[in-house]
Each structure stands twice: as structure tokens, then as C-alpha cells.
């Protein structure tokens, strides 16, 4: 086991190398998206887990190739397209229906499971905040970064961003990502790690599955932006300065 080789690597770089490792980090409660810049040693310390157990799991995990998407090897414009067409569309398509399902389950089971009432509020607030976040990316950040990428491809300079520097809207996006990450970690705790209660009906079970899948998709979204796209945007801007 080569613990030292992993200890100083950032969690984000490990995920970039093989996205399938997110399963391991998820199982150990390690933040790979908002906390992707932390070293594995620091991430394990914050999660309260033994780094040797995590490294052993990383080294033993062999079922990676079938599910691992090499996001870090994709061109920047393709990654932006993926975020827009898979994640932004997915949030808008799945979020309202999931909220309706959560409300339906709360009406049926809320008396025995009062945590569902809190879940309704948390998820409704999240959808509202996410919509504002997505619009900022679509209307401000991504259009300029498409132009940055195209200018680089053509060997041209791009006009300065009206915000002064691309780092300014990125700073806002990072803060909002952190807020959502905190919210969904609380949701996971509130819902007992999405464990299905013994008295749950089929709708309750499906709601929990869909909620966990929504969270997983959101964390993939945040990882791609925080750990791949945003650093690239800053590099592109610096190269064209």
C-alpha cells in the first residue's frame, strides 16, 4: 500500500484521473467536489476516516473502466456543453417532479417521519437557489468562456470580461457550490444516509432513490466545474492576457 503517494494528492486530482473513485469517496463521506482541492490526507482527517483504509480501497477498486468517464481529457467546450445539456437540463427536468414526490411522501408519512417536512423546505429552497445559479452561468460565465476557448483555438486574443476578470464570477460560483454542498450533506444526514425506513411505501422508496441520484448528479456537476472547468477558464484568460 503506497499511502504516501496518495496522501499529498488532491482529492480532485484523483477523481479527475478516474471518476469511478467517487464511489469510494462517497462511501467514506469524503467531499470530492467542493472539497476537491484538499489533499487526501486532509480530506480523510476532516471526514474522520483512516487514510490507510481509503488508500486500500482505492488500490483494490478494479471495476473502474466501465463507468469512469475521462472528463479531464475532454476539450473545454465539450465539457461546457455536457454541463449545460446534461446537468442544467437535468436539474430543471427532474427537480420539480422530485419536489412533487417529496411533498406527496410528506403528506402520507410526515406524521411518523417529521424530517420529511424539513426535507420539503430544504429541497424547494435548493431548486430556487440552483435556478438562480444556473442562470448566472448561462448568461454571464459560460458565454465568455466559450469565447475564451474559441479565441485560443484561433490564436487570437479575447476581449476582457466586463466583470474585470473571470475569477470574479468564478468566486461567486464557488461560494454557491459550497452552500449547496453543505445543504445536501445535511439532507443526507437528515435522511439517515438515504436508508429506507421499514414502514416506507414504494413511492417513499423511489423518492429516496431519486433524491440520492439527484445529489450524485449535482456533485458530479460541481466537481467538473470546481476541479476542471474553473481552473481551465483562469488559465485560458491568463494565456490570452
C-alpha atoms as a PDB file:
ATOM      1  CA  UNK A   1       0.000   0.000   0.000  1.00  0.00           C
ATOM      2  CA  UNK A   2       1.528   3.313  -1.084  1.00  0.00           C
ATOM      3  CA  UNK A   3      -0.169   5.672   1.342  1.00  0.00           C
ATOM      4  CA  UNK A   4       2.451   8.408   0.980  1.00  0.00           C
ATOM      5  CA  UNK A   5       1.955   8.569  -2.777  1.00  0.00           C
ATOM      6  CA  UNK A   6      -1.732   9.351  -2.245  1.00  0.00           C
ATOM      7  CA  UNK A   7      -1.549  11.470   0.893  1.00  0.00           C
ATOM      8  CA  UNK A   8      -0.419  14.730  -0.714  1.00  0.00           C
ATOM      9  CA  UNK A   9      -2.501  14.380  -3.865  1.00  0.00           C
ATOM     10  CA  UNK A  10      -5.665  16.441  -4.012  1.00  0.00           C
ATOM     11  CA  UNK A  11      -8.936  14.546  -3.929  1.00  0.00           C
ATOM     12  CA  UNK A  12      -9.959  16.349  -7.117  1.00  0.00           C
ATOM     13  CA  UNK A  13      -6.889  15.129  -8.998  1.00  0.00           C
ATOM     14  CA  UNK A  14      -7.626  11.523  -8.007  1.00  0.00           C
ATOM     15  CA  UNK A  15     -11.192  11.896  -9.255  1.00  0.00           C
ATOM     16  CA  UNK A  16     -10.017  13.594 -12.448  1.00  0.00           C
ATOM     17  CA  UNK A  17      -7.798  10.596 -13.147  1.00  0.00           C
ATOM     18  CA  UNK A  18     -10.667   8.179 -12.654  1.00  0.00           C
ATOM     19  CA  UNK A  19     -14.173   9.426 -11.938  1.00  0.00           C
ATOM     20  CA  UNK A  20     -15.222   5.977 -10.709  1.00  0.00           C
ATOM     21  CA  UNK A  21     -13.300   6.657  -7.494  1.00  0.00           C
ATOM     22  CA  UNK A  22     -16.136   8.970  -6.452  1.00  0.00           C
ATOM     23  CA  UNK A  23     -17.906   5.846  -5.196  1.00  0.00           C
ATOM     24  CA  UNK A  24     -15.120   5.269  -2.709  1.00  0.00           C
ATOM     25  CA  UNK A  25     -15.074   8.866  -1.533  1.00  0.00           C
ATOM     26  CA  UNK A  26     -18.850   8.858  -1.212  1.00  0.00           C
ATOM     27  CA  UNK A  27     -18.755   5.684   0.893  1.00  0.00           C
ATOM     28  CA  UNK A  28     -16.202   7.255   3.255  1.00  0.00           C
ATOM     29  CA  UNK A  29     -18.029  10.597   3.423  1.00  0.00           C
ATOM     30  CA  UNK A  30     -15.160  12.470   1.723  1.00  0.00           C
ATOM     31  CA  UNK A  31     -16.054  15.645  -0.162  1.00  0.00           C
ATOM     32  CA  UNK A  32     -14.648  15.271  -3.685  1.00  0.00           C
ATOM     33  CA  UNK A  33     -16.393  18.248  -5.319  1.00  0.00           C
ATOM     34  CA  UNK A  34     -16.439  21.355  -3.109  1.00  0.00           C
ATOM     35  CA  UNK A  35     -13.502  19.959  -1.154  1.00  0.00           C
ATOM     36  CA  UNK A  36     -11.633  18.696  -4.185  1.00  0.00           C
ATOM     37  CA  UNK A  37      -8.614  20.937  -3.651  1.00  0.00           C
ATOM     38  CA  UNK A  38      -7.838  19.357  -0.265  1.00  0.00           C
ATOM     39  CA  UNK A  39      -5.110  16.739  -0.062  1.00  0.00           C
ATOM     40  CA  UNK A  40      -6.299  13.201   0.570  1.00  0.00           C
ATOM     41  CA  UNK A  41      -4.633  13.322   3.977  1.00  0.00           C
ATOM     42  CA  UNK A  42      -6.526  16.472   4.950  1.00  0.00           C
ATOM     43  CA  UNK A  43      -9.795  15.186   3.466  1.00  0.00           C
ATOM     44  CA  UNK A  44      -9.546  11.972   5.462  1.00  0.00           C
ATOM     45  CA  UNK A  45      -8.801  13.948   8.616  1.00  0.00           C
ATOM     46  CA  UNK A  46     -11.853  16.195   8.045  1.00  0.00           C
ATOM     47  CA  UNK A  47     -14.065  13.165   7.383  1.00  0.00           C
ATOM     48  CA  UNK A  48     -12.700  11.347  10.424  1.00  0.00           C
ATOM     49  CA  UNK A  49     -11.585   8.270   8.475  1.00  0.00           C
ATOM     50  CA  UNK A  50      -8.312   6.339   8.393  1.00  0.00           C
ATOM     51  CA  UNK A  51      -6.343   7.272   5.277  1.00  0.00           C
ATOM     52  CA  UNK A  52      -4.901   3.770   5.036  1.00  0.00           C
ATOM     53  CA  UNK A  53      -8.403   2.316   4.720  1.00  0.00           C
ATOM     54  CA  UNK A  54      -9.195   4.811   1.960  1.00  0.00           C
ATOM     55  CA  UNK A  55      -5.955   4.136   0.077  1.00  0.00           C
ATOM     56  CA  UNK A  56      -6.516   0.401   0.374  1.00  0.00           C
ATOM     57  CA  UNK A  57      -9.982   0.845  -1.118  1.00  0.00           C
ATOM     58  CA  UNK A  58      -8.588   2.991  -3.946  1.00  0.00           C
ATOM     59  CA  UNK A  59      -5.937   0.418  -4.779  1.00  0.00           C
ATOM     60  CA  UNK A  60      -8.333  -2.521  -4.532  1.00  0.00           C
ATOM     61  CA  UNK A  61     -11.029  -0.888  -6.624  1.00  0.00           C
ATOM     62  CA  UNK A  62     -10.737  -2.575 -10.008  1.00  0.00           C
ATOM     63  CA  UNK A  63     -14.211  -2.154 -11.512  1.00  0.00           C
ATOM     64  CA  UNK A  64     -13.433   1.292 -12.852  1.00  0.00           C
ATOM     65  CA  UNK A  65     -13.150   1.220 -16.631  1.00  0.00           C
ATOM     66  CA  UNK A  66     -16.790   0.536 -17.405  1.00  0.00           C
ATOM     67  CA  UNK A  67     -18.140   3.542 -15.531  1.00  0.00           C
ATOM     68  CA  UNK A  68     -15.302   6.025 -15.464  1.00  0.00           C
ATOM     69  CA  UNK A  69     -15.774   8.999 -17.785  1.00  0.00           C
ATOM     70  CA  UNK A  70     -12.461  10.750 -18.587  1.00  0.00           C
ATOM     71  CA  UNK A  71     -13.786  14.279 -18.068  1.00  0.00           C
ATOM     72  CA  UNK A  72     -10.292  15.679 -17.591  1.00  0.00           C
ATOM     73  CA  UNK A  73      -9.345  14.652 -21.135  1.00  0.00           C
ATOM     74  CA  UNK A  74     -12.328  16.348 -22.780  1.00  0.00           C
ATOM     75  CA  UNK A  75     -11.896  19.682 -24.582  1.00  0.00           C
ATOM     76  CA  UNK A  76     -13.211  22.668 -22.672  1.00  0.00           C
ATOM     77  CA  UNK A  77     -16.106  23.475 -24.993  1.00  0.00           C
ATOM     78  CA  UNK A  78     -17.336  19.859 -24.844  1.00  0.00           C
ATOM     79  CA  UNK A  79     -17.247  19.940 -21.049  1.00  0.00           C
ATOM     80  CA  UNK A  80     -19.316  23.137 -21.005  1.00  0.00           C
ATOM     81  CA  UNK A  81     -21.786  21.524 -23.425  1.00  0.00           C
ATOM     82  CA  UNK A  82     -22.021  18.489 -21.136  1.00  0.00           C
ATOM     83  CA  UNK A  83     -22.684  20.606 -18.057  1.00  0.00           C
ATOM     84  CA  UNK A  84     -25.363  22.605 -19.872  1.00  0.00           C
ATOM     85  CA  UNK A  85     -27.119  19.751 -21.656  1.00  0.00           C
ATOM     86  CA  UNK A  86     -26.845  17.047 -19.005  1.00  0.00           C
ATOM     87  CA  UNK A  87     -26.688  18.821 -15.665  1.00  0.00           C
ATOM     88  CA  UNK A  88     -28.527  22.095 -16.212  1.00  0.00           C
ATOM     89  CA  UNK A  89     -31.283  20.401 -18.207  1.00  0.00           C
ATOM     90  CA  UNK A  90     -31.359  17.539 -15.724  1.00  0.00           C
ATOM     91  CA  UNK A  91     -31.878  19.801 -12.718  1.00  0.00           C
ATOM     92  CA  UNK A  92     -34.732  21.601 -14.450  1.00  0.00           C
ATOM     93  CA  UNK A  93     -36.334  18.410 -15.751  1.00  0.00           C
ATOM     94  CA  UNK A  94     -36.003  16.254 -12.631  1.00  0.00           C
ATOM     95  CA  UNK A  95     -36.084  18.802  -9.814  1.00  0.00           C
ATOM     96  CA  UNK A  96     -39.758  19.871  -9.932  1.00  0.00           C
ATOM     97  CA  UNK A  97     -41.009  16.279 -10.253  1.00  0.00           C
ATOM     98  CA  UNK A  98     -38.806  15.186  -7.372  1.00  0.00           C
ATOM     99  CA  UNK A  99     -40.115  18.047  -5.246  1.00  0.00           C
ATOM    100  CA  UNK A 100     -43.678  16.939  -6.026  1.00  0.00           C
ATOM    101  CA  UNK A 101     -42.770  13.379  -4.990  1.00  0.00           C
ATOM    102  CA  UNK A 102     -41.189  14.598  -1.743  1.00  0.00           C
ATOM    103  CA  UNK A 103     -44.339  16.607  -0.958  1.00  0.00           C
ATOM    104  CA  UNK A 104     -46.514  13.581  -1.724  1.00  0.00           C
ATOM    105  CA  UNK A 105     -44.483  11.364   0.581  1.00  0.00           C
ATOM    106  CA  UNK A 106     -44.532  14.026   3.301  1.00  0.00           C
ATOM    107  CA  UNK A 107     -48.330  14.203   3.172  1.00  0.00           C
ATOM    108  CA  UNK A 108     -48.559  10.432   3.574  1.00  0.00           C
ATOM    109  CA  UNK A 109     -45.735   9.826   6.051  1.00  0.00           C
ATOM    110  CA  UNK A 110     -44.980  13.198   7.630  1.00  0.00           C
ATOM    111  CA  UNK A 111     -46.682  12.415  10.915  1.00  0.00           C
ATOM    112  CA  UNK A 112     -44.413   9.407  11.543  1.00  0.00           C
ATOM    113  CA  UNK A 113     -41.388  10.977   9.836  1.00  0.00           C
ATOM    114  CA  UNK A 114     -41.267  14.697  10.712  1.00  0.00           C
ATOM    115  CA  UNK A 115     -37.866  15.001   8.981  1.00  0.00           C
ATOM    116  CA  UNK A 116     -39.792  14.935   5.693  1.00  0.00           C
ATOM    117  CA  UNK A 117     -41.273  18.367   6.442  1.00  0.00           C
ATOM    118  CA  UNK A 118     -37.783  19.788   6.744  1.00  0.00           C
ATOM    119  CA  UNK A 119     -36.780  17.992   3.542  1.00  0.00           C
ATOM    120  CA  UNK A 120     -39.570  19.689   1.602  1.00  0.00           C
ATOM    121  CA  UNK A 121     -38.290  23.121   2.639  1.00  0.00           C
ATOM    122  CA  UNK A 122     -34.640  22.279   2.020  1.00  0.00           C
ATOM    123  CA  UNK A 123     -35.237  20.869  -1.437  1.00  0.00           C
ATOM    124  CA  UNK A 124     -37.602  23.655  -2.505  1.00  0.00           C
ATOM    125  CA  UNK A 125     -35.059  26.257  -1.396  1.00  0.00           C
ATOM    126  CA  UNK A 126     -32.329  24.371  -3.242  1.00  0.00           C
ATOM    127  CA  UNK A 127     -34.243  24.374  -6.532  1.00  0.00           C
ATOM    128  CA  UNK A 128     -34.817  28.121  -6.258  1.00  0.00           C
ATOM    129  CA  UNK A 129     -31.157  28.824  -5.487  1.00  0.00           C
ATOM    130  CA  UNK A 130     -29.964  26.418  -8.191  1.00  0.00           C
ATOM    131  CA  UNK A 131     -32.093  28.137 -10.824  1.00  0.00           C
ATOM    132  CA  UNK A 132     -30.522  31.495  -9.978  1.00  0.00           C
ATOM    133  CA  UNK A 133     -27.092  29.833 -10.077  1.00  0.00           C
ATOM    134  CA  UNK A 134     -27.684  28.183 -13.454  1.00  0.00           C
ATOM    135  CA  UNK A 135     -28.825  31.450 -14.985  1.00  0.00           C
ATOM    136  CA  UNK A 136     -25.633  33.204 -13.861  1.00  0.00           C
ATOM    137  CA  UNK A 137     -23.552  30.507 -15.512  1.00  0.00           C
ATOM    138  CA  UNK A 138     -25.600  30.537 -18.696  1.00  0.00           C
ATOM    139  CA  UNK A 139     -25.873  34.300 -19.062  1.00  0.00           C
ATOM    140  CA  UNK A 140     -22.516  35.516 -17.722  1.00  0.00           C
ATOM    141  CA  UNK A 141     -19.769  32.959 -17.173  1.00  0.00           C
ATOM    142  CA  UNK A 142     -20.154  30.317 -19.861  1.00  0.00           C
ATOM    143  CA  UNK A 143     -20.736  32.634 -22.866  1.00  0.00           C
ATOM    144  CA  UNK A 144     -17.495  34.463 -22.101  1.00  0.00           C
ATOM    145  CA  UNK A 145     -15.583  31.236 -21.530  1.00  0.00           C
ATOM    146  CA  UNK A 146     -16.788  29.852 -24.856  1.00  0.00           C
ATOM    147  CA  UNK A 147     -15.276  32.979 -26.430  1.00  0.00           C
ATOM    148  CA  UNK A 148     -12.049  32.483 -24.479  1.00  0.00           C
ATOM    149  CA  UNK A 149     -11.753  28.933 -25.779  1.00  0.00           C
ATOM    150  CA  UNK A 150     -12.565  29.888 -29.369  1.00  0.00           C
ATOM    151  CA  UNK A 151     -10.037  32.742 -29.272  1.00  0.00           C
ATOM    152  CA  UNK A 152      -7.340  30.353 -28.078  1.00  0.00           C
ATOM    153  CA  UNK A 153      -8.182  27.849 -30.815  1.00  0.00           C
ATOM    154  CA  UNK A 154      -7.862  30.582 -33.441  1.00  0.00           C
ATOM    155  CA  UNK A 155      -4.710  32.090 -31.971  1.00  0.00           C
ATOM    156  CA  UNK A 156      -6.483  35.338 -31.176  1.00  0.00           C
ATOM    157  CA  UNK A 157      -6.961  37.467 -28.087  1.00  0.00           C
ATOM    158  CA  UNK A 158     -10.322  37.719 -26.361  1.00  0.00           C
ATOM    159  CA  UNK A 159     -11.717  40.997 -25.121  1.00  0.00           C
ATOM    160  CA  UNK A 160     -11.510  41.472 -21.328  1.00  0.00           C
ATOM    161  CA  UNK A 161     -14.516  40.310 -19.357  1.00  0.00           C
ATOM    162  CA  UNK A 162     -16.913  43.030 -18.270  1.00  0.00           C
ATOM    163  CA  UNK A 163     -16.568  41.697 -14.682  1.00  0.00           C
ATOM    164  CA  UNK A 164     -12.880  42.630 -14.769  1.00  0.00           C
ATOM    165  CA  UNK A 165     -11.629  39.047 -14.659  1.00  0.00           C
ATOM    166  CA  UNK A 166     -13.197  35.616 -14.993  1.00  0.00           C
ATOM    167  CA  UNK A 167     -12.053  34.925 -11.433  1.00  0.00           C
ATOM    168  CA  UNK A 168     -14.773  37.252 -10.099  1.00  0.00           C
ATOM    169  CA  UNK A 169     -17.842  35.278 -11.276  1.00  0.00           C
ATOM    170  CA  UNK A 170     -15.986  32.032 -10.519  1.00  0.00           C
ATOM    171  CA  UNK A 171     -15.593  33.180  -6.930  1.00  0.00           C
ATOM    172  CA  UNK A 172     -19.368  33.608  -6.720  1.00  0.00           C
ATOM    173  CA  UNK A 173     -19.985  30.197  -8.297  1.00  0.00           C
ATOM    174  CA  UNK A 174     -17.595  28.515  -5.855  1.00  0.00           C
ATOM    175  CA  UNK A 175     -19.356  30.080  -2.887  1.00  0.00           C
ATOM    176  CA  UNK A 176     -22.743  28.952  -4.164  1.00  0.00           C
ATOM    177  CA  UNK A 177     -21.404  25.461  -4.846  1.00  0.00           C
ATOM    178  CA  UNK A 178     -20.160  25.311  -1.276  1.00  0.00           C
ATOM    179  CA  UNK A 179     -23.584  26.369   0.000  1.00  0.00           C
ATOM    180  CA  UNK A 180     -25.305  23.616  -1.992  1.00  0.00           C
ATOM    181  CA  UNK A 181     -22.718  21.053  -0.912  1.00  0.00           C
ATOM    182  CA  UNK A 182     -23.383  21.928   2.721  1.00  0.00           C
ATOM    183  CA  UNK A 183     -27.139  21.741   2.174  1.00  0.00           C
ATOM    184  CA  UNK A 184     -27.022  18.289   0.595  1.00  0.00           C
ATOM    185  CA  UNK A 185     -24.660  16.897   3.197  1.00  0.00           C
ATOM    186  CA  UNK A 186     -27.246  17.981   5.761  1.00  0.00           C
ATOM    187  CA  UNK A 187     -30.009  16.371   3.672  1.00  0.00           C
ATOM    188  CA  UNK A 188     -28.025  13.120   3.596  1.00  0.00           C
ATOM    189  CA  UNK A 189     -27.719  13.208   7.403  1.00  0.00           C
ATOM    190  CA  UNK A 190     -31.366  14.205   7.832  1.00  0.00           C
ATOM    191  CA  UNK A 191     -32.471  11.259   5.682  1.00  0.00           C
ATOM    192  CA  UNK A 192     -30.206   8.786   7.515  1.00  0.00           C
ATOM    193  CA  UNK A 193     -27.912   8.325   4.527  1.00  0.00           C
ATOM    194  CA  UNK A 194     -30.985   7.561   2.363  1.00  0.00           C
ATOM    195  CA  UNK A 195     -31.695   4.361   4.259  1.00  0.00           C
ATOM    196  CA  UNK A 196     -35.245   3.234   3.558  1.00  0.00           C
ATOM    197  CA  UNK A 197     -37.475   3.154   6.697  1.00  0.00           C
ATOM    198  CA  UNK A 198     -39.204  -0.136   7.471  1.00  0.00           C
ATOM    199  CA  UNK A 199     -42.644   1.425   7.036  1.00  0.00           C
ATOM    200  CA  UNK A 200     -41.824   3.074   3.702  1.00  0.00           C
ATOM    201  CA  UNK A 201     -44.218   2.551   0.811  1.00  0.00           C
ATOM    202  CA  UNK A 202     -42.910   2.038  -2.774  1.00  0.00           C
ATOM    203  CA  UNK A 203     -43.291   5.766  -3.509  1.00  0.00           C
ATOM    204  CA  UNK A 204     -41.209   6.611  -0.435  1.00  0.00           C
ATOM    205  CA  UNK A 205     -38.501   4.161  -1.547  1.00  0.00           C
ATOM    206  CA  UNK A 206     -38.409   5.559  -5.072  1.00  0.00           C
ATOM    207  CA  UNK A 207     -38.289   9.132  -3.768  1.00  0.00           C
ATOM    208  CA  UNK A 208     -35.205   8.330  -1.681  1.00  0.00           C
ATOM    209  CA  UNK A 209     -33.510   6.670  -4.662  1.00  0.00           C
ATOM    210  CA  UNK A 210     -34.260   9.648  -6.891  1.00  0.00           C
ATOM    211  CA  UNK A 211     -33.117  12.112  -4.230  1.00  0.00           C
ATOM    212  CA  UNK A 212     -29.780  10.318  -3.844  1.00  0.00           C
ATOM    213  CA  UNK A 213     -29.363  10.192  -7.633  1.00  0.00           C
ATOM    214  CA  UNK A 214     -30.138  13.928  -7.848  1.00  0.00           C
ATOM    215  CA  UNK A 215     -27.477  14.626  -5.214  1.00  0.00           C
ATOM    216  CA  UNK A 216     -24.944  12.421  -7.011  1.00  0.00           C
ATOM    217  CA  UNK A 217     -25.600  14.286 -10.260  1.00  0.00           C
ATOM    218  CA  UNK A 218     -25.232  17.636  -8.542  1.00  0.00           C
ATOM    219  CA  UNK A 219     -21.908  16.620  -7.028  1.00  0.00           C
ATOM    220  CA  UNK A 220     -20.640  15.448 -10.425  1.00  0.00           C
ATOM    221  CA  UNK A 221     -21.700  18.843 -11.796  1.00  0.00           C
ATOM    222  CA  UNK A 222     -19.857  20.690  -9.029  1.00  0.00           C
ATOM    223  CA  UNK A 223     -16.750  18.513  -9.422  1.00  0.00           C
ATOM    224  CA  UNK A 224     -16.493  19.174 -13.157  1.00  0.00           C
ATOM    225  CA  UNK A 225     -16.771  22.920 -12.647  1.00  0.00           C
ATOM    226  CA  UNK A 226     -14.690  23.356  -9.478  1.00  0.00           C
ATOM    227  CA  UNK A 227     -11.870  20.973 -10.324  1.00  0.00           C
ATOM    228  CA  UNK A 228     -11.680  21.044 -14.126  1.00  0.00           C
ATOM    229  CA  UNK A 229     -13.528  23.887 -15.839  1.00  0.00           C
ATOM    230  CA  UNK A 230     -12.881  26.800 -13.491  1.00  0.00           C
ATOM    231  CA  UNK A 231      -9.085  26.256 -13.353  1.00  0.00           C
ATOM    232  CA  UNK A 232      -9.098  25.986 -17.152  1.00  0.00           C
ATOM    233  CA  UNK A 233     -11.044  29.238 -17.503  1.00  0.00           C
ATOM    234  CA  UNK A 234      -8.490  31.084 -15.388  1.00  0.00           C
ATOM    235  CA  UNK A 235      -5.633  29.543 -17.385  1.00  0.00           C
ATOM    236  CA  UNK A 236      -7.270  30.486 -20.694  1.00  0.00           C
ATOM    237  CA  UNK A 237      -7.759  34.065 -19.554  1.00  0.00           C
ATOM    238  CA  UNK A 238      -4.138  34.303 -18.397  1.00  0.00           C
ATOM    239  CA  UNK A 239      -2.827  32.876 -21.664  1.00  0.00           C
ATOM    240  CA  UNK A 240      -4.696  35.491 -23.663  1.00  0.00           C
ATOM    241  CA  UNK A 241      -3.796  38.459 -21.494  1.00  0.00           C
END
